[in-house]
Amino acid sequence: MYLKPFEVRWSDLDANRHMANSAYITFMSHTRMAFLQEHGFGHKTLVDHHLGPVVFYEHMYYFREVLPGVPVRVSLEVQGLSADGMFFEFHHNFYDDKGTHLAHCEMMGGWIDLDTRKLTGLPQDLLERFEALEKGDAFKTLTREDTRRYFKRPKDLV
């Protein structure tokens, strides 16, 4: 399990003086990018391959308040990957310095070609790197149908 430590800053708080939900999203995003960078998916590699990661959804579950001055650790576990590497699922958990479980998030994302702005699979060398990553206990091979498990569709105003 990958763990990234954070200090809860005043700017991370909301009007109730506990960590704002936007701070959870920011900490998870930072954790994902640090994880990817440490595993060969750094900025230069993504630029060279014209790739960018996109988030489809993040489902948050809050268990306990996070107050200022409490250090937190955010975990990342790879829970899913499609055969072509186009889709991925990560689970994040938030823990305090004593290991108390504070929150959980399930997120799904994919890769887009930054030239065409369309979803794309990973090139073979990057796919092999991703497949070699440590996987969570509930890991599964994702299909396109998994990305639609909540069957949300856009509904324009017009």
N, C-alpha and C. Protein backbone atom coordinates (compact mmCIF):
# COMPACT_ATOMS: atom_id res chain seq x y z
N MET A 1 0.84 -1.18 0.00
CA MET A 1 0.00 0.00 0.00
C MET A 1 0.89 1.24 0.00
N TYR A 2 0.58 2.16 -0.89
CA TYR A 2 1.31 3.42 -0.98
C TYR A 2 0.72 4.40 0.03
N LEU A 3 1.57 5.09 0.79
CA LEU A 3 1.12 6.09 1.78
C LEU A 3 1.84 7.41 1.55
N LYS A 4 1.08 8.49 1.60
CA LYS A 4 1.63 9.84 1.44
C LYS A 4 1.22 10.67 2.66
N PRO A 5 2.18 11.26 3.38
CA PRO A 5 1.85 12.08 4.56
C PRO A 5 1.49 13.51 4.19
N PHE A 6 0.59 14.11 4.96
CA PHE A 6 0.19 15.50 4.77
C PHE A 6 0.02 16.17 6.12
N GLU A 7 0.25 17.46 6.14
CA GLU A 7 -0.04 18.31 7.29
C GLU A 7 -1.31 19.09 6.94
N VAL A 8 -2.28 19.08 7.83
CA VAL A 8 -3.52 19.83 7.60
C VAL A 8 -3.25 21.29 7.91
N ARG A 9 -3.36 22.12 6.88
CA ARG A 9 -3.08 23.56 7.00
C ARG A 9 -4.38 24.32 7.25
N TRP A 10 -4.25 25.57 7.69
CA TRP A 10 -5.44 26.40 7.90
C TRP A 10 -6.23 26.52 6.61
N SER A 11 -5.56 26.60 5.49
CA SER A 11 -6.26 26.74 4.21
C SER A 11 -7.02 25.47 3.82
N ASP A 12 -6.80 24.36 4.52
CA ASP A 12 -7.50 23.11 4.25
C ASP A 12 -8.81 23.00 5.02
N LEU A 13 -9.13 23.98 5.85
CA LEU A 13 -10.30 23.92 6.73
C LEU A 13 -11.51 24.61 6.10
N ASP A 14 -12.70 24.19 6.54
CA ASP A 14 -13.93 24.86 6.11
C ASP A 14 -14.49 25.69 7.27
N ALA A 15 -15.70 26.19 7.12
CA ALA A 15 -16.30 27.06 8.14
C ALA A 15 -16.52 26.34 9.47
N ASN A 16 -16.57 25.02 9.47
CA ASN A 16 -16.73 24.25 10.72
C ASN A 16 -15.39 23.96 11.39
N ARG A 17 -14.31 24.48 10.81
CA ARG A 17 -12.95 24.34 11.32
C ARG A 17 -12.47 22.88 11.34
N HIS A 18 -13.00 22.08 10.43
CA HIS A 18 -12.42 20.76 10.17
C HIS A 18 -12.05 20.70 8.70
N MET A 19 -11.35 19.65 8.30
CA MET A 19 -10.85 19.59 6.93
C MET A 19 -12.02 19.62 5.95
N ALA A 20 -11.92 20.52 4.98
CA ALA A 20 -12.94 20.70 3.96
C ALA A 20 -12.91 19.54 2.96
N ASN A 21 -14.08 19.23 2.39
CA ASN A 21 -14.10 18.13 1.42
C ASN A 21 -13.22 18.43 0.22
N SER A 22 -13.05 19.71 -0.13
CA SER A 22 -12.15 20.05 -1.24
C SER A 22 -10.70 19.69 -0.91
N ALA A 23 -10.33 19.75 0.37
CA ALA A 23 -8.97 19.38 0.77
C ALA A 23 -8.76 17.87 0.61
N TYR A 24 -9.79 17.07 0.90
CA TYR A 24 -9.67 15.62 0.69
C TYR A 24 -9.36 15.34 -0.79
N ILE A 25 -10.09 16.01 -1.68
CA ILE A 25 -9.89 15.82 -3.11
C ILE A 25 -8.48 16.22 -3.51
N THR A 26 -8.01 17.35 -2.99
CA THR A 26 -6.66 17.83 -3.30
C THR A 26 -5.61 16.85 -2.79
N PHE A 27 -5.76 16.36 -1.57
CA PHE A 27 -4.78 15.41 -1.01
C PHE A 27 -4.76 14.12 -1.83
N MET A 28 -5.93 13.64 -2.27
CA MET A 28 -5.97 12.41 -3.06
C MET A 28 -5.32 12.63 -4.43
N SER A 29 -5.60 13.75 -5.04
CA SER A 29 -4.99 14.05 -6.34
C SER A 29 -3.47 14.11 -6.23
N HIS A 30 -2.99 14.77 -5.19
CA HIS A 30 -1.54 14.86 -4.96
C HIS A 30 -0.96 13.47 -4.73
N THR A 31 -1.66 12.64 -3.97
CA THR A 31 -1.20 11.27 -3.70
C THR A 31 -1.12 10.48 -5.00
N ARG A 32 -2.15 10.59 -5.84
CA ARG A 32 -2.14 9.85 -7.11
C ARG A 32 -0.98 10.28 -7.99
N MET A 33 -0.76 11.57 -8.12
CA MET A 33 0.31 12.04 -9.00
C MET A 33 1.68 11.67 -8.44
N ALA A 34 1.86 11.72 -7.12
CA ALA A 34 3.13 11.29 -6.53
C ALA A 34 3.35 9.80 -6.77
N PHE A 35 2.29 9.00 -6.60
CA PHE A 35 2.36 7.55 -6.84
C PHE A 35 2.75 7.27 -8.29
N LEU A 36 2.05 7.93 -9.22
CA LEU A 36 2.33 7.71 -10.63
C LEU A 36 3.76 8.12 -10.98
N GLN A 37 4.17 9.28 -10.48
CA GLN A 37 5.54 9.75 -10.75
C GLN A 37 6.58 8.77 -10.22
N GLU A 38 6.37 8.28 -9.02
CA GLU A 38 7.34 7.34 -8.41
C GLU A 38 7.37 5.99 -9.14
N HIS A 39 6.36 5.73 -9.96
CA HIS A 39 6.30 4.45 -10.67
C HIS A 39 6.45 4.61 -12.18
N GLY A 40 7.15 5.67 -12.59
CA GLY A 40 7.51 5.80 -13.99
C GLY A 40 6.51 6.54 -14.86
N PHE A 41 5.54 7.23 -14.25
CA PHE A 41 4.55 7.98 -15.00
C PHE A 41 4.69 9.47 -14.69
N GLY A 42 5.92 9.97 -14.74
CA GLY A 42 6.19 11.37 -14.44
C GLY A 42 5.76 12.28 -15.58
N HIS A 43 5.91 13.56 -15.34
CA HIS A 43 5.47 14.58 -16.29
C HIS A 43 6.10 14.37 -17.68
N LYS A 44 7.40 14.15 -17.72
CA LYS A 44 8.08 13.98 -19.01
C LYS A 44 7.54 12.76 -19.77
N THR A 45 7.34 11.66 -19.06
CA THR A 45 6.82 10.45 -19.70
C THR A 45 5.43 10.71 -20.26
N LEU A 46 4.57 11.38 -19.49
CA LEU A 46 3.22 11.66 -19.97
C LEU A 46 3.24 12.62 -21.16
N VAL A 47 4.11 13.63 -21.12
CA VAL A 47 4.25 14.56 -22.24
C VAL A 47 4.74 13.81 -23.48
N ASP A 48 5.76 12.97 -23.32
CA ASP A 48 6.32 12.22 -24.45
C ASP A 48 5.27 11.33 -25.12
N HIS A 49 4.33 10.82 -24.32
CA HIS A 49 3.29 9.92 -24.85
C HIS A 49 1.97 10.65 -25.13
N HIS A 50 1.95 11.97 -24.91
CA HIS A 50 0.73 12.78 -25.14
C HIS A 50 -0.45 12.24 -24.33
N LEU A 51 -0.18 11.86 -23.08
CA LEU A 51 -1.19 11.27 -22.21
C LEU A 51 -1.52 12.17 -21.03
N GLY A 52 -2.75 12.07 -20.57
CA GLY A 52 -3.15 12.74 -19.35
C GLY A 52 -4.17 11.87 -18.61
N PRO A 53 -4.07 11.79 -17.28
CA PRO A 53 -5.05 11.04 -16.51
C PRO A 53 -6.31 11.90 -16.28
N VAL A 54 -7.48 11.28 -16.34
CA VAL A 54 -8.74 11.96 -16.06
C VAL A 54 -9.52 11.17 -15.01
N VAL A 55 -10.27 11.89 -14.20
CA VAL A 55 -11.10 11.27 -13.16
C VAL A 55 -12.53 11.18 -13.67
N PHE A 56 -13.13 9.99 -13.56
CA PHE A 56 -14.55 9.81 -13.91
C PHE A 56 -15.43 10.10 -12.70
N TYR A 57 -15.03 9.59 -11.54
CA TYR A 57 -15.78 9.87 -10.31
C TYR A 57 -14.90 9.60 -9.10
N GLU A 58 -15.27 10.21 -7.99
CA GLU A 58 -14.66 9.96 -6.68
C GLU A 58 -15.81 9.87 -5.68
N HIS A 59 -15.98 8.70 -5.09
CA HIS A 59 -17.02 8.49 -4.08
C HIS A 59 -16.38 8.50 -2.70
N MET A 60 -16.73 9.51 -1.92
CA MET A 60 -16.13 9.70 -0.60
C MET A 60 -17.04 9.20 0.51
N TYR A 61 -16.41 8.63 1.52
CA TYR A 61 -17.09 8.19 2.75
C TYR A 61 -16.29 8.77 3.91
N TYR A 62 -16.93 9.61 4.71
CA TYR A 62 -16.25 10.27 5.83
C TYR A 62 -16.63 9.55 7.12
N PHE A 63 -15.62 9.19 7.91
CA PHE A 63 -15.86 8.47 9.15
C PHE A 63 -15.63 9.33 10.39
N ARG A 64 -14.61 10.15 10.36
CA ARG A 64 -14.26 10.99 11.52
C ARG A 64 -13.78 12.35 11.03
N GLU A 65 -13.94 13.35 11.87
CA GLU A 65 -13.44 14.69 11.55
C GLU A 65 -11.92 14.70 11.52
N VAL A 66 -11.39 15.55 10.67
CA VAL A 66 -9.96 15.82 10.67
C VAL A 66 -9.81 17.28 11.08
N LEU A 67 -9.12 17.50 12.18
CA LEU A 67 -8.96 18.83 12.76
C LEU A 67 -7.57 19.38 12.46
N PRO A 68 -7.41 20.70 12.55
CA PRO A 68 -6.08 21.27 12.28
C PRO A 68 -5.04 20.74 13.26
N GLY A 69 -3.83 20.62 12.75
CA GLY A 69 -2.74 20.14 13.59
C GLY A 69 -2.62 18.63 13.65
N VAL A 70 -3.54 17.93 13.00
CA VAL A 70 -3.50 16.46 13.00
C VAL A 70 -2.87 16.01 11.68
N PRO A 71 -1.69 15.39 11.73
CA PRO A 71 -1.11 14.89 10.49
C PRO A 71 -1.96 13.74 9.95
N VAL A 72 -2.08 13.67 8.63
CA VAL A 72 -2.82 12.58 8.01
C VAL A 72 -1.94 11.89 6.98
N ARG A 73 -2.26 10.62 6.75
CA ARG A 73 -1.62 9.85 5.70
C ARG A 73 -2.73 9.39 4.75
N VAL A 74 -2.46 9.52 3.47
CA VAL A 74 -3.42 9.11 2.45
C VAL A 74 -2.84 7.91 1.72
N SER A 75 -3.62 6.82 1.67
CA SER A 75 -3.15 5.63 0.98
C SER A 75 -3.69 5.59 -0.44
N LEU A 76 -3.05 4.78 -1.24
CA LEU A 76 -3.51 4.48 -2.59
C LEU A 76 -3.30 3.01 -2.83
N GLU A 77 -4.36 2.34 -3.29
CA GLU A 77 -4.28 0.95 -3.70
C GLU A 77 -4.89 0.83 -5.09
N VAL A 78 -4.20 0.12 -5.97
CA VAL A 78 -4.72 -0.13 -7.32
C VAL A 78 -5.74 -1.26 -7.19
N GLN A 79 -7.00 -0.95 -7.52
CA GLN A 79 -8.07 -1.94 -7.38
C GLN A 79 -8.62 -2.42 -8.72
N GLY A 80 -8.19 -1.76 -9.81
CA GLY A 80 -8.68 -2.21 -11.11
C GLY A 80 -7.87 -1.62 -12.24
N LEU A 81 -7.83 -2.35 -13.33
CA LEU A 81 -7.15 -1.91 -14.55
C LEU A 81 -7.77 -2.67 -15.72
N SER A 82 -8.08 -1.95 -16.80
CA SER A 82 -8.61 -2.63 -17.99
C SER A 82 -7.46 -3.32 -18.72
N ALA A 83 -7.79 -4.27 -19.56
CA ALA A 83 -6.78 -5.06 -20.27
C ALA A 83 -5.86 -4.18 -21.10
N ASP A 84 -6.39 -3.08 -21.65
CA ASP A 84 -5.57 -2.19 -22.48
C ASP A 84 -5.01 -1.01 -21.69
N GLY A 85 -5.31 -0.94 -20.39
CA GLY A 85 -4.82 0.14 -19.54
C GLY A 85 -5.59 1.43 -19.65
N MET A 86 -6.67 1.46 -20.44
CA MET A 86 -7.43 2.69 -20.64
C MET A 86 -8.10 3.15 -19.33
N PHE A 87 -8.62 2.21 -18.54
CA PHE A 87 -9.34 2.52 -17.31
C PHE A 87 -8.57 2.01 -16.10
N PHE A 88 -8.66 2.74 -14.99
CA PHE A 88 -8.06 2.31 -13.75
C PHE A 88 -8.96 2.69 -12.58
N GLU A 89 -8.85 1.94 -11.50
CA GLU A 89 -9.59 2.24 -10.27
C GLU A 89 -8.61 2.25 -9.11
N PHE A 90 -8.65 3.32 -8.34
CA PHE A 90 -7.83 3.45 -7.14
C PHE A 90 -8.75 3.60 -5.93
N HIS A 91 -8.31 3.06 -4.80
CA HIS A 91 -8.98 3.31 -3.53
C HIS A 91 -8.01 4.07 -2.64
N HIS A 92 -8.55 5.09 -1.98
CA HIS A 92 -7.78 5.91 -1.04
C HIS A 92 -8.38 5.74 0.35
N ASN A 93 -7.52 5.74 1.34
CA ASN A 93 -7.95 5.80 2.74
C ASN A 93 -7.15 6.89 3.42
N PHE A 94 -7.80 7.55 4.37
CA PHE A 94 -7.17 8.59 5.18
C PHE A 94 -7.01 8.04 6.58
N TYR A 95 -5.81 8.24 7.15
CA TYR A 95 -5.50 7.78 8.51
C TYR A 95 -4.84 8.91 9.28
N ASP A 96 -5.08 8.95 10.59
CA ASP A 96 -4.34 9.91 11.41
C ASP A 96 -3.01 9.30 11.81
N ASP A 97 -2.25 10.01 12.64
CA ASP A 97 -0.91 9.54 13.01
C ASP A 97 -0.93 8.30 13.90
N LYS A 98 -2.11 7.93 14.43
CA LYS A 98 -2.24 6.71 15.24
C LYS A 98 -2.78 5.53 14.41
N GLY A 99 -3.08 5.79 13.14
CA GLY A 99 -3.61 4.75 12.27
C GLY A 99 -5.12 4.66 12.28
N THR A 100 -5.80 5.60 12.90
CA THR A 100 -7.26 5.61 12.92
C THR A 100 -7.78 5.94 11.52
N HIS A 101 -8.72 5.15 11.06
CA HIS A 101 -9.29 5.30 9.72
C HIS A 101 -10.27 6.47 9.72
N LEU A 102 -10.00 7.49 8.92
CA LEU A 102 -10.77 8.73 8.93
C LEU A 102 -11.75 8.84 7.76
N ALA A 103 -11.38 8.33 6.60
CA ALA A 103 -12.23 8.45 5.41
C ALA A 103 -11.77 7.43 4.36
N HIS A 104 -12.66 7.17 3.41
CA HIS A 104 -12.38 6.22 2.33
C HIS A 104 -12.92 6.82 1.03
N CYS A 105 -12.22 6.57 -0.07
CA CYS A 105 -12.68 7.03 -1.38
C CYS A 105 -12.42 5.95 -2.42
N GLU A 106 -13.39 5.76 -3.29
CA GLU A 106 -13.25 4.90 -4.46
C GLU A 106 -13.28 5.81 -5.67
N MET A 107 -12.25 5.75 -6.48
CA MET A 107 -12.21 6.60 -7.68
C MET A 107 -11.90 5.76 -8.91
N MET A 108 -12.49 6.20 -10.01
CA MET A 108 -12.20 5.55 -11.28
C MET A 108 -11.77 6.63 -12.26
N GLY A 109 -10.81 6.28 -13.09
CA GLY A 109 -10.32 7.22 -14.08
C GLY A 109 -9.87 6.51 -15.33
N GLY A 110 -9.31 7.29 -16.22
CA GLY A 110 -8.81 6.75 -17.47
C GLY A 110 -7.72 7.65 -18.03
N TRP A 111 -7.25 7.30 -19.17
CA TRP A 111 -6.20 8.06 -19.85
C TRP A 111 -6.77 8.66 -21.12
N ILE A 112 -6.42 9.93 -21.38
CA ILE A 112 -6.82 10.55 -22.64
C ILE A 112 -5.57 10.90 -23.44
N ASP A 113 -5.74 10.81 -24.76
CA ASP A 113 -4.73 11.28 -25.69
C ASP A 113 -4.89 12.80 -25.72
N LEU A 114 -3.85 13.53 -25.36
CA LEU A 114 -3.95 14.98 -25.26
C LEU A 114 -4.02 15.68 -26.61
N ASP A 115 -3.76 14.96 -27.70
CA ASP A 115 -3.92 15.53 -29.04
C ASP A 115 -5.36 15.38 -29.52
N THR A 116 -5.92 14.17 -29.39
CA THR A 116 -7.28 13.91 -29.89
C THR A 116 -8.35 14.22 -28.84
N ARG A 117 -7.95 14.31 -27.54
CA ARG A 117 -8.86 14.55 -26.42
C ARG A 117 -9.85 13.40 -26.27
N LYS A 118 -9.42 12.19 -26.65
CA LYS A 118 -10.25 11.00 -26.53
C LYS A 118 -9.57 9.98 -25.63
N LEU A 119 -10.39 9.12 -25.02
CA LEU A 119 -9.85 8.04 -24.19
C LEU A 119 -8.95 7.15 -25.03
N THR A 120 -7.88 6.67 -24.39
CA THR A 120 -6.93 5.81 -25.10
C THR A 120 -6.34 4.79 -24.13
N GLY A 121 -5.94 3.65 -24.68
CA GLY A 121 -5.21 2.68 -23.90
C GLY A 121 -3.77 3.13 -23.72
N LEU A 122 -3.07 2.47 -22.83
CA LEU A 122 -1.67 2.80 -22.59
C LEU A 122 -0.78 2.14 -23.65
N PRO A 123 0.29 2.82 -24.06
CA PRO A 123 1.28 2.15 -24.91
C PRO A 123 1.84 0.92 -24.17
N GLN A 124 2.30 -0.06 -24.90
CA GLN A 124 2.72 -1.34 -24.31
C GLN A 124 3.71 -1.17 -23.17
N ASP A 125 4.72 -0.30 -23.32
CA ASP A 125 5.73 -0.15 -22.26
C ASP A 125 5.09 0.40 -20.98
N LEU A 126 4.18 1.35 -21.10
CA LEU A 126 3.52 1.89 -19.91
C LEU A 126 2.51 0.91 -19.33
N LEU A 127 1.84 0.16 -20.20
CA LEU A 127 0.90 -0.85 -19.72
C LEU A 127 1.63 -1.90 -18.88
N GLU A 128 2.80 -2.32 -19.35
CA GLU A 128 3.58 -3.31 -18.59
C GLU A 128 3.99 -2.75 -17.22
N ARG A 129 4.35 -1.47 -17.17
CA ARG A 129 4.69 -0.84 -15.88
C ARG A 129 3.49 -0.83 -14.95
N PHE A 130 2.33 -0.46 -15.49
CA PHE A 130 1.12 -0.38 -14.67
C PHE A 130 0.71 -1.77 -14.19
N GLU A 131 0.79 -2.76 -15.07
CA GLU A 131 0.43 -4.13 -14.70
C GLU A 131 1.34 -4.68 -13.61
N ALA A 132 2.58 -4.19 -13.53
CA ALA A 132 3.55 -4.68 -12.55
C ALA A 132 3.34 -4.07 -11.16
N LEU A 133 2.48 -3.04 -11.04
CA LEU A 133 2.26 -2.38 -9.76
C LEU A 133 1.59 -3.33 -8.77
N GLU A 134 1.88 -3.12 -7.49
CA GLU A 134 1.20 -3.88 -6.44
C GLU A 134 -0.29 -3.61 -6.52
N LYS A 135 -1.09 -4.66 -6.35
CA LYS A 135 -2.53 -4.53 -6.49
C LYS A 135 -3.23 -4.80 -5.15
N GLY A 136 -4.38 -4.16 -4.96
CA GLY A 136 -5.17 -4.36 -3.76
C GLY A 136 -5.83 -5.72 -3.74
N ASP A 137 -6.34 -6.10 -2.58
CA ASP A 137 -6.95 -7.42 -2.40
C ASP A 137 -8.17 -7.64 -3.30
N ALA A 138 -8.90 -6.59 -3.61
CA ALA A 138 -10.13 -6.71 -4.41
C ALA A 138 -9.89 -6.35 -5.87
N PHE A 139 -8.65 -6.42 -6.33
CA PHE A 139 -8.31 -6.04 -7.71
C PHE A 139 -9.13 -6.83 -8.71
N LYS A 140 -9.56 -6.14 -9.78
CA LYS A 140 -10.25 -6.82 -10.87
C LYS A 140 -9.85 -6.19 -12.19
N THR A 141 -9.99 -6.96 -13.26
CA THR A 141 -9.78 -6.44 -14.60
C THR A 141 -11.05 -5.68 -14.99
N LEU A 142 -10.88 -4.41 -15.33
CA LEU A 142 -12.03 -3.56 -15.63
C LEU A 142 -12.45 -3.69 -17.08
N THR A 143 -13.75 -3.51 -17.30
CA THR A 143 -14.31 -3.44 -18.64
C THR A 143 -14.97 -2.07 -18.81
N ARG A 144 -15.34 -1.73 -20.02
CA ARG A 144 -16.04 -0.47 -20.28
C ARG A 144 -17.33 -0.39 -19.45
N GLU A 145 -17.99 -1.53 -19.25
CA GLU A 145 -19.22 -1.55 -18.45
C GLU A 145 -18.97 -1.14 -17.00
N ASP A 146 -17.79 -1.45 -16.47
CA ASP A 146 -17.46 -1.04 -15.10
C ASP A 146 -17.44 0.48 -14.96
N THR A 147 -17.09 1.18 -16.04
CA THR A 147 -17.05 2.64 -15.98
C THR A 147 -18.46 3.22 -15.96
N ARG A 148 -19.45 2.42 -16.25
CA ARG A 148 -20.84 2.87 -16.28
C ARG A 148 -21.69 2.20 -15.20
N ARG A 149 -21.06 1.68 -14.17
CA ARG A 149 -21.81 0.92 -13.17
C ARG A 149 -22.86 1.76 -12.44
N TYR A 150 -22.68 3.06 -12.43
CA TYR A 150 -23.68 3.92 -11.77
C TYR A 150 -24.63 4.54 -12.78
N PHE A 151 -24.42 4.27 -14.04
CA PHE A 151 -25.26 4.65 -15.17
C PHE A 151 -25.73 6.11 -15.10
N LYS A 152 -24.79 6.99 -14.90
CA LYS A 152 -25.08 8.42 -14.92
C LYS A 152 -24.83 8.93 -16.33
N ARG A 153 -25.78 9.66 -16.86
CA ARG A 153 -25.68 10.25 -18.19
C ARG A 153 -25.88 11.75 -18.08
N PRO A 154 -25.23 12.53 -18.93
CA PRO A 154 -25.47 13.98 -18.89
C PRO A 154 -26.87 14.31 -19.40
N LYS A 155 -27.47 15.33 -18.79
CA LYS A 155 -28.79 15.82 -19.20
C LYS A 155 -28.67 17.33 -19.40
N ASP A 156 -28.56 17.72 -20.66
CA ASP A 156 -28.40 19.13 -20.99
C ASP A 156 -29.66 19.91 -20.66
N LEU A 157 -29.53 21.20 -20.44
CA LEU A 157 -30.67 22.06 -20.15
C LEU A 157 -31.53 22.30 -21.38
N VAL A 158 -30.95 22.20 -22.54
CA VAL A 158 -31.67 22.49 -23.80
C VAL A 158 -32.53 21.32 -24.19
